[in-house]
Each structure stands twice: as structure tokens, then as C-alpha cells.
N, C-alpha and C. Protein backbone atom coordinates (compact mmCIF):
# COMPACT_ATOMS: atom_id res chain seq x y z
N MET A 1 -21.04 -42.98 -140.41
CA MET A 1 -20.80 -41.60 -140.80
C MET A 1 -21.17 -41.42 -142.27
N GLN A 2 -21.90 -40.35 -142.56
CA GLN A 2 -22.38 -40.10 -143.91
C GLN A 2 -21.29 -39.43 -144.74
N ARG A 3 -21.10 -39.92 -145.97
CA ARG A 3 -20.11 -39.34 -146.88
C ARG A 3 -20.66 -38.07 -147.51
N GLN A 4 -19.77 -37.12 -147.73
CA GLN A 4 -20.16 -35.88 -148.40
C GLN A 4 -19.70 -35.95 -149.85
N TYR A 5 -20.61 -35.66 -150.76
CA TYR A 5 -20.32 -35.70 -152.19
C TYR A 5 -20.43 -34.30 -152.78
N TYR A 6 -19.56 -34.05 -153.77
CA TYR A 6 -19.59 -32.78 -154.49
C TYR A 6 -19.81 -33.04 -155.97
N SER A 7 -20.55 -32.17 -156.60
CA SER A 7 -20.66 -32.22 -158.07
C SER A 7 -19.38 -31.61 -158.64
N LEU A 8 -19.14 -31.79 -159.93
CA LEU A 8 -17.95 -31.21 -160.53
C LEU A 8 -18.02 -29.68 -160.52
N ASP A 9 -19.22 -29.14 -160.63
CA ASP A 9 -19.38 -27.69 -160.53
C ASP A 9 -18.98 -27.19 -159.14
N GLN A 10 -19.38 -27.92 -158.10
CA GLN A 10 -19.01 -27.54 -156.74
C GLN A 10 -17.51 -27.65 -156.52
N VAL A 11 -16.90 -28.71 -157.05
CA VAL A 11 -15.44 -28.87 -156.94
C VAL A 11 -14.74 -27.71 -157.62
N ALA A 12 -15.21 -27.36 -158.82
CA ALA A 12 -14.61 -26.24 -159.54
C ALA A 12 -14.71 -24.96 -158.73
N ASP A 13 -15.86 -24.72 -158.11
CA ASP A 13 -16.05 -23.53 -157.29
C ASP A 13 -15.12 -23.54 -156.07
N LEU A 14 -15.03 -24.69 -155.40
CA LEU A 14 -14.17 -24.80 -154.23
C LEU A 14 -12.69 -24.56 -154.56
N LEU A 15 -12.27 -25.03 -155.74
CA LEU A 15 -10.87 -24.93 -156.12
C LEU A 15 -10.57 -23.67 -156.92
N GLY A 16 -11.60 -22.92 -157.28
CA GLY A 16 -11.40 -21.72 -158.07
C GLY A 16 -10.97 -22.05 -159.50
N LEU A 17 -11.48 -23.15 -160.03
CA LEU A 17 -11.13 -23.59 -161.38
C LEU A 17 -12.36 -23.59 -162.26
N HIS A 18 -12.13 -23.68 -163.55
CA HIS A 18 -13.25 -23.84 -164.48
C HIS A 18 -13.68 -25.30 -164.44
N VAL A 19 -14.97 -25.54 -164.61
CA VAL A 19 -15.49 -26.90 -164.53
C VAL A 19 -14.87 -27.81 -165.60
N ARG A 20 -14.51 -27.25 -166.75
CA ARG A 20 -13.86 -28.07 -167.79
C ARG A 20 -12.50 -28.59 -167.30
N THR A 21 -11.79 -27.79 -166.54
CA THR A 21 -10.51 -28.22 -165.99
C THR A 21 -10.71 -29.39 -165.04
N VAL A 22 -11.74 -29.29 -164.20
CA VAL A 22 -12.04 -30.37 -163.25
C VAL A 22 -12.43 -31.63 -164.00
N ARG A 23 -13.23 -31.49 -165.05
CA ARG A 23 -13.60 -32.67 -165.86
C ARG A 23 -12.36 -33.32 -166.46
N GLY A 24 -11.41 -32.51 -166.90
CA GLY A 24 -10.16 -33.04 -167.43
C GLY A 24 -9.38 -33.82 -166.39
N TYR A 25 -9.35 -33.32 -165.15
CA TYR A 25 -8.69 -34.03 -164.06
C TYR A 25 -9.34 -35.38 -163.82
N VAL A 26 -10.66 -35.43 -163.91
CA VAL A 26 -11.39 -36.69 -163.71
C VAL A 26 -11.08 -37.64 -164.86
N ARG A 27 -11.14 -37.14 -166.09
CA ARG A 27 -10.84 -37.98 -167.26
C ARG A 27 -9.43 -38.54 -167.21
N ASP A 28 -8.46 -37.70 -166.77
CA ASP A 28 -7.05 -38.13 -166.70
C ASP A 28 -6.78 -39.04 -165.52
N GLY A 29 -7.74 -39.16 -164.60
CA GLY A 29 -7.55 -40.01 -163.43
C GLY A 29 -6.82 -39.32 -162.29
N ARG A 30 -6.56 -38.03 -162.44
CA ARG A 30 -5.89 -37.31 -161.35
C ARG A 30 -6.82 -37.04 -160.18
N LEU A 31 -8.12 -36.91 -160.47
CA LEU A 31 -9.13 -36.68 -159.44
C LEU A 31 -10.10 -37.84 -159.51
N LYS A 32 -10.18 -38.59 -158.42
CA LYS A 32 -11.06 -39.75 -158.38
C LYS A 32 -12.50 -39.27 -158.25
N ALA A 33 -13.37 -39.83 -159.09
CA ALA A 33 -14.79 -39.47 -159.07
C ALA A 33 -15.61 -40.71 -159.38
N THR A 34 -16.83 -40.71 -158.90
CA THR A 34 -17.76 -41.80 -159.15
C THR A 34 -18.84 -41.30 -160.09
N GLN A 35 -19.11 -42.10 -161.11
CA GLN A 35 -20.15 -41.71 -162.05
C GLN A 35 -21.49 -42.22 -161.55
N VAL A 36 -22.43 -41.31 -161.42
CA VAL A 36 -23.78 -41.63 -160.99
C VAL A 36 -24.69 -41.20 -162.14
N GLY A 37 -25.15 -42.18 -162.91
CA GLY A 37 -25.90 -41.85 -164.12
C GLY A 37 -24.94 -41.19 -165.11
N ARG A 38 -25.29 -40.00 -165.53
CA ARG A 38 -24.41 -39.28 -166.45
C ARG A 38 -23.55 -38.24 -165.74
N ARG A 39 -23.68 -38.15 -164.47
CA ARG A 39 -22.96 -37.12 -163.70
C ARG A 39 -21.89 -37.75 -162.81
N TYR A 40 -20.87 -36.97 -162.54
CA TYR A 40 -19.80 -37.41 -161.65
C TYR A 40 -19.99 -36.79 -160.28
N ARG A 41 -19.58 -37.53 -159.28
CA ARG A 41 -19.57 -37.04 -157.90
C ARG A 41 -18.20 -37.34 -157.31
N VAL A 42 -17.72 -36.40 -156.50
CA VAL A 42 -16.41 -36.52 -155.86
C VAL A 42 -16.64 -36.52 -154.36
N THR A 43 -16.07 -37.49 -153.66
CA THR A 43 -16.22 -37.52 -152.21
C THR A 43 -15.28 -36.49 -151.60
N ARG A 44 -15.62 -36.09 -150.41
CA ARG A 44 -14.79 -35.12 -149.69
C ARG A 44 -13.38 -35.70 -149.48
N ASP A 45 -13.31 -37.00 -149.16
CA ASP A 45 -12.01 -37.64 -148.95
C ASP A 45 -11.16 -37.61 -150.22
N ASP A 46 -11.79 -37.89 -151.37
CA ASP A 46 -11.06 -37.85 -152.64
C ASP A 46 -10.61 -36.43 -152.98
N LEU A 47 -11.43 -35.46 -152.67
CA LEU A 47 -11.06 -34.07 -152.92
C LEU A 47 -9.90 -33.66 -152.01
N ASP A 48 -9.96 -34.09 -150.74
CA ASP A 48 -8.87 -33.81 -149.81
C ASP A 48 -7.57 -34.45 -150.29
N ALA A 49 -7.67 -35.68 -150.79
CA ALA A 49 -6.48 -36.37 -151.30
C ALA A 49 -5.92 -35.66 -152.53
N PHE A 50 -6.79 -35.15 -153.39
CA PHE A 50 -6.36 -34.46 -154.59
C PHE A 50 -5.65 -33.14 -154.26
N THR A 51 -6.20 -32.39 -153.31
CA THR A 51 -5.63 -31.07 -152.97
C THR A 51 -4.51 -31.16 -151.95
N GLY A 52 -4.47 -32.25 -151.19
CA GLY A 52 -3.46 -32.36 -150.15
C GLY A 52 -3.84 -31.62 -148.88
N ALA A 53 -5.04 -31.08 -148.85
CA ALA A 53 -5.53 -30.35 -147.67
C ALA A 53 -7.04 -30.51 -147.63
N PRO A 54 -7.62 -30.38 -146.46
CA PRO A 54 -9.08 -30.49 -146.37
C PRO A 54 -9.76 -29.40 -147.20
N ALA A 55 -10.81 -29.80 -147.91
CA ALA A 55 -11.58 -28.83 -148.69
C ALA A 55 -12.43 -28.02 -147.73
N VAL A 56 -12.33 -26.73 -147.85
CA VAL A 56 -13.11 -25.84 -147.00
C VAL A 56 -14.15 -25.16 -147.87
N PRO A 57 -15.41 -25.52 -147.69
CA PRO A 57 -16.43 -24.88 -148.51
C PRO A 57 -16.46 -23.38 -148.23
N ARG A 58 -16.70 -22.62 -149.28
CA ARG A 58 -16.81 -21.17 -149.11
C ARG A 58 -18.04 -20.87 -148.30
N THR A 59 -17.85 -20.05 -147.30
CA THR A 59 -19.01 -19.64 -146.53
C THR A 59 -19.73 -18.55 -147.30
N THR A 60 -20.98 -18.40 -147.00
CA THR A 60 -21.70 -17.34 -147.68
C THR A 60 -21.08 -16.01 -147.27
N THR A 61 -20.89 -15.17 -148.23
CA THR A 61 -20.26 -13.89 -147.94
C THR A 61 -21.29 -12.93 -147.40
N ALA A 62 -20.80 -12.03 -146.58
CA ALA A 62 -21.68 -11.02 -146.02
C ALA A 62 -22.11 -10.07 -147.13
N MET A 63 -23.22 -9.43 -146.91
CA MET A 63 -23.71 -8.48 -147.90
C MET A 63 -22.66 -7.39 -148.09
N HIS A 64 -22.47 -7.00 -149.33
CA HIS A 64 -21.45 -6.02 -149.67
C HIS A 64 -22.05 -4.99 -150.61
N ALA A 65 -21.73 -3.74 -150.39
CA ALA A 65 -22.21 -2.67 -151.26
C ALA A 65 -21.02 -1.88 -151.78
N GLU A 66 -21.09 -1.49 -153.02
CA GLU A 66 -20.03 -0.67 -153.61
C GLU A 66 -20.69 0.40 -154.47
N ALA A 67 -20.13 1.60 -154.39
CA ALA A 67 -20.64 2.73 -155.17
C ALA A 67 -19.77 2.93 -156.40
N SER A 68 -20.42 3.31 -157.49
CA SER A 68 -19.74 3.71 -158.71
C SER A 68 -20.29 5.08 -159.07
N VAL A 69 -19.44 6.08 -159.04
CA VAL A 69 -19.90 7.45 -159.24
C VAL A 69 -19.03 8.14 -160.27
N ILE A 70 -19.66 8.90 -161.16
CA ILE A 70 -18.93 9.75 -162.10
C ILE A 70 -19.39 11.18 -161.84
N VAL A 71 -18.43 12.02 -161.47
CA VAL A 71 -18.72 13.43 -161.24
C VAL A 71 -18.23 14.20 -162.46
N GLN A 72 -19.11 14.96 -163.08
CA GLN A 72 -18.74 15.77 -164.24
C GLN A 72 -18.72 17.23 -163.83
N ILE A 73 -17.59 17.88 -164.06
CA ILE A 73 -17.43 19.29 -163.74
C ILE A 73 -17.18 20.03 -165.04
N ASP A 74 -18.10 20.91 -165.39
CA ASP A 74 -18.01 21.66 -166.65
C ASP A 74 -17.29 22.99 -166.44
N GLY A 75 -16.75 23.52 -167.55
CA GLY A 75 -16.13 24.85 -167.53
C GLY A 75 -14.84 24.90 -166.74
N VAL A 76 -14.02 23.88 -166.87
CA VAL A 76 -12.77 23.79 -166.10
C VAL A 76 -11.59 24.02 -167.05
N ASP A 77 -10.71 24.95 -166.68
CA ASP A 77 -9.52 25.15 -167.50
C ASP A 77 -8.49 24.06 -167.16
N PRO A 78 -7.50 23.84 -168.04
CA PRO A 78 -6.54 22.74 -167.83
C PRO A 78 -5.81 22.79 -166.49
N ALA A 79 -5.40 23.97 -166.05
CA ALA A 79 -4.67 24.08 -164.77
C ALA A 79 -5.57 23.69 -163.59
N ALA A 80 -6.81 24.17 -163.61
CA ALA A 80 -7.75 23.83 -162.54
C ALA A 80 -8.09 22.34 -162.57
N ALA A 81 -8.22 21.78 -163.76
CA ALA A 81 -8.50 20.36 -163.88
C ALA A 81 -7.37 19.53 -163.28
N MET A 82 -6.15 19.94 -163.54
CA MET A 82 -4.99 19.23 -162.99
C MET A 82 -4.99 19.30 -161.46
N ARG A 83 -5.22 20.50 -160.92
CA ARG A 83 -5.23 20.66 -159.46
C ARG A 83 -6.37 19.87 -158.82
N LEU A 84 -7.56 20.00 -159.38
CA LEU A 84 -8.72 19.28 -158.82
C LEU A 84 -8.52 17.77 -158.89
N GLY A 85 -8.13 17.30 -160.05
CA GLY A 85 -7.94 15.85 -160.22
C GLY A 85 -6.89 15.31 -159.27
N ASN A 86 -5.74 15.98 -159.20
CA ASN A 86 -4.66 15.53 -158.32
C ASN A 86 -5.07 15.59 -156.84
N THR A 87 -5.79 16.65 -156.48
CA THR A 87 -6.21 16.79 -155.08
C THR A 87 -7.18 15.68 -154.69
N VAL A 88 -8.15 15.41 -155.54
CA VAL A 88 -9.15 14.37 -155.22
C VAL A 88 -8.49 13.00 -155.14
N VAL A 89 -7.61 12.70 -156.07
CA VAL A 89 -6.91 11.41 -156.04
C VAL A 89 -6.06 11.30 -154.78
N ALA A 90 -5.34 12.37 -154.44
CA ALA A 90 -4.49 12.36 -153.24
C ALA A 90 -5.32 12.18 -151.97
N VAL A 91 -6.45 12.86 -151.89
CA VAL A 91 -7.32 12.73 -150.71
C VAL A 91 -7.84 11.30 -150.59
N ALA A 92 -8.24 10.73 -151.70
CA ALA A 92 -8.77 9.35 -151.68
C ALA A 92 -7.70 8.36 -151.24
N HIS A 93 -6.48 8.55 -151.69
CA HIS A 93 -5.41 7.61 -151.35
C HIS A 93 -4.88 7.83 -149.94
N SER A 94 -4.94 9.05 -149.45
CA SER A 94 -4.41 9.31 -148.11
C SER A 94 -5.41 8.97 -147.01
N SER A 95 -6.70 8.96 -147.34
CA SER A 95 -7.71 8.70 -146.31
C SER A 95 -7.64 7.27 -145.80
N GLY A 96 -7.25 6.34 -146.67
CA GLY A 96 -7.13 4.94 -146.23
C GLY A 96 -8.47 4.37 -145.85
N GLY A 97 -9.03 4.86 -144.79
CA GLY A 97 -10.34 4.38 -144.35
C GLY A 97 -10.25 2.99 -143.76
N ASP A 98 -11.41 2.38 -143.60
CA ASP A 98 -11.52 1.03 -143.06
C ASP A 98 -11.00 0.04 -144.09
N ARG A 99 -9.96 -0.70 -143.75
CA ARG A 99 -9.36 -1.65 -144.69
C ARG A 99 -10.33 -2.73 -145.12
N SER A 100 -11.26 -3.12 -144.24
CA SER A 100 -12.20 -4.16 -144.61
C SER A 100 -13.18 -3.67 -145.68
N ALA A 101 -13.45 -2.37 -145.69
CA ALA A 101 -14.35 -1.82 -146.69
C ALA A 101 -13.61 -1.59 -148.01
N GLY A 102 -12.30 -1.61 -147.96
CA GLY A 102 -11.51 -1.42 -149.17
C GLY A 102 -11.25 0.04 -149.45
N ARG A 103 -10.20 0.29 -150.19
CA ARG A 103 -9.85 1.65 -150.56
C ARG A 103 -10.71 2.12 -151.72
N LEU A 104 -10.83 3.42 -151.80
CA LEU A 104 -11.49 4.00 -152.95
C LEU A 104 -10.55 3.92 -154.14
N ARG A 105 -11.13 3.71 -155.29
CA ARG A 105 -10.37 3.78 -156.53
C ARG A 105 -10.88 5.01 -157.26
N VAL A 106 -9.96 5.91 -157.56
CA VAL A 106 -10.34 7.20 -158.14
C VAL A 106 -9.48 7.49 -159.35
N GLU A 107 -10.13 7.97 -160.40
CA GLU A 107 -9.41 8.42 -161.59
C GLU A 107 -10.05 9.70 -162.06
N SER A 108 -9.24 10.53 -162.70
CA SER A 108 -9.80 11.75 -163.28
C SER A 108 -9.43 11.79 -164.76
N VAL A 109 -10.38 12.30 -165.57
CA VAL A 109 -10.18 12.40 -167.01
C VAL A 109 -10.60 13.80 -167.41
N TYR A 110 -9.72 14.48 -168.15
CA TYR A 110 -10.02 15.84 -168.58
C TYR A 110 -10.14 15.89 -170.09
N ASP A 111 -11.24 16.47 -170.56
CA ASP A 111 -11.47 16.69 -171.99
C ASP A 111 -11.24 18.18 -172.24
N GLU A 112 -10.07 18.51 -172.74
CA GLU A 112 -9.69 19.91 -172.93
C GLU A 112 -10.58 20.60 -173.96
N GLU A 113 -10.98 19.87 -175.00
CA GLU A 113 -11.81 20.45 -176.06
C GLU A 113 -13.16 20.93 -175.51
N ARG A 114 -13.72 20.17 -174.59
CA ARG A 114 -15.02 20.52 -174.00
C ARG A 114 -14.89 21.22 -172.65
N ALA A 115 -13.68 21.31 -172.12
CA ALA A 115 -13.41 21.91 -170.81
C ALA A 115 -14.21 21.19 -169.72
N VAL A 116 -14.17 19.84 -169.78
CA VAL A 116 -14.92 19.01 -168.84
C VAL A 116 -13.96 18.09 -168.10
N LEU A 117 -14.09 18.07 -166.78
CA LEU A 117 -13.33 17.14 -165.93
C LEU A 117 -14.30 16.11 -165.41
N LYS A 118 -13.94 14.83 -165.57
CA LYS A 118 -14.75 13.75 -165.00
C LYS A 118 -13.90 13.05 -163.95
N ILE A 119 -14.50 12.85 -162.80
CA ILE A 119 -13.85 12.14 -161.71
C ILE A 119 -14.64 10.86 -161.47
N ILE A 120 -13.96 9.71 -161.60
CA ILE A 120 -14.60 8.41 -161.43
C ILE A 120 -14.22 7.87 -160.06
N VAL A 121 -15.23 7.52 -159.28
CA VAL A 121 -15.02 7.03 -157.91
C VAL A 121 -15.66 5.66 -157.77
N LEU A 122 -14.88 4.69 -157.31
CA LEU A 122 -15.39 3.34 -157.05
C LEU A 122 -14.99 2.94 -155.64
N GLY A 123 -15.91 2.39 -154.88
CA GLY A 123 -15.58 1.94 -153.53
C GLY A 123 -16.81 1.90 -152.65
N GLY A 124 -16.56 1.81 -151.36
CA GLY A 124 -17.65 1.75 -150.39
C GLY A 124 -18.48 3.01 -150.42
N PRO A 125 -19.80 2.88 -150.22
CA PRO A 125 -20.69 4.05 -150.27
C PRO A 125 -20.33 5.15 -149.27
N ALA A 126 -19.95 4.78 -148.06
CA ALA A 126 -19.62 5.79 -147.05
C ALA A 126 -18.37 6.57 -147.46
N GLN A 127 -17.34 5.85 -147.92
CA GLN A 127 -16.11 6.51 -148.33
C GLN A 127 -16.35 7.38 -149.57
N ALA A 128 -17.15 6.86 -150.51
CA ALA A 128 -17.46 7.62 -151.71
C ALA A 128 -18.24 8.89 -151.36
N ALA A 129 -19.19 8.78 -150.44
CA ALA A 129 -19.97 9.94 -150.03
C ALA A 129 -19.08 11.01 -149.40
N GLU A 130 -18.15 10.57 -148.58
CA GLU A 130 -17.22 11.53 -147.95
C GLU A 130 -16.37 12.22 -149.01
N LEU A 131 -15.88 11.46 -149.97
CA LEU A 131 -15.07 12.05 -151.03
C LEU A 131 -15.91 13.00 -151.89
N LEU A 132 -17.17 12.67 -152.12
CA LEU A 132 -18.04 13.57 -152.89
C LEU A 132 -18.27 14.89 -152.16
N ARG A 133 -18.34 14.85 -150.84
CA ARG A 133 -18.46 16.10 -150.07
C ARG A 133 -17.21 16.95 -150.26
N ILE A 134 -16.05 16.30 -150.29
CA ILE A 134 -14.79 17.02 -150.50
C ILE A 134 -14.75 17.62 -151.91
N VAL A 135 -15.18 16.84 -152.91
CA VAL A 135 -15.23 17.34 -154.29
C VAL A 135 -16.15 18.54 -154.37
N ASP A 136 -17.30 18.45 -153.72
CA ASP A 136 -18.25 19.58 -153.72
C ASP A 136 -17.60 20.82 -153.11
N THR A 137 -16.90 20.67 -152.02
CA THR A 137 -16.21 21.80 -151.39
C THR A 137 -15.15 22.39 -152.30
N LEU A 138 -14.36 21.53 -152.94
CA LEU A 138 -13.31 22.00 -153.84
C LEU A 138 -13.90 22.78 -155.02
N VAL A 139 -14.98 22.26 -155.58
CA VAL A 139 -15.63 22.94 -156.71
C VAL A 139 -16.18 24.29 -156.28
N GLU A 140 -16.79 24.35 -155.10
CA GLU A 140 -17.31 25.62 -154.58
C GLU A 140 -16.17 26.62 -154.39
N ASP A 141 -15.01 26.16 -153.97
CA ASP A 141 -13.86 27.06 -153.77
C ASP A 141 -13.35 27.64 -155.08
N TYR A 142 -13.52 26.92 -156.19
CA TYR A 142 -13.06 27.39 -157.49
C TYR A 142 -14.02 28.38 -158.15
N ARG A 143 -15.24 28.48 -157.66
CA ARG A 143 -16.24 29.37 -158.27
C ARG A 143 -15.96 30.80 -157.96
């Protein structure tokens, strides 16, 4: 049976640690490693012994898309800005949507001096697009 070896960078990635931390574990003798030339290698068995559980390599993640949108609405009085901002945030939080796609993150910022409302939307493109349609409708209703 062929042994599986990991570099210290791979061990750090598997454990979610910085590579310097892993090097420290090797230097302290807490993580057994074999030096090959100037580099260290850790066997899967030694990594399992160190963690107390089998090391599970991260699988490649599926393609993921996220939208970042800033909507600027000019000529908004403070009361309208409050209503619009609160409504958009409430709609985003109540929609929930597909949990695997994640919730939208929405914030609103009002610049009273310039009478400008900015709505920042972060999340899945489909959810963001739906929220933008709602923002467009709300703005049309205020005209």
C-alpha cells in the first residue's frame, strides 16, 4: 500500500492553520514529519495521529457566484430614505430564499447633505436581481 504524504502547506490548508503554526508543531515535535532535502513531509497516518481523526482533504468547491451591488437614489428626503431603507432591508431578510445560496446582506446609508440614499446588496445574483426589481418598484412608487 502506497503512503500518502502532505507538504506543510497542505497540512496547514487541511487544518485551517497558518503554515508557520504547522512548522512550529513540527519543530516542537508535536507533529511528526520527515525531512526530505530542505522540505518536510507528513504522512497521512502521522496527521491522523496528530488530529485524532482521519484527515479529510477538502474537495474542490463548486463554482460560486456572488453579486455586489450599490444602488444610488438621488433626491430623497430623510423620511423617504428611512422608509425605503427599512423596507428594502426587511424584504431582504424576510425573503430567506435558498439557504444554500445564502442570505442577502443589505445595508442602507443616507447622506442628508446630498439627499442621496445608497443601498448596498451582497449575495447570490438571482436573489440580488429580485431585490433590485423590488427597489425599482419602490422608487417608481415614490416618484
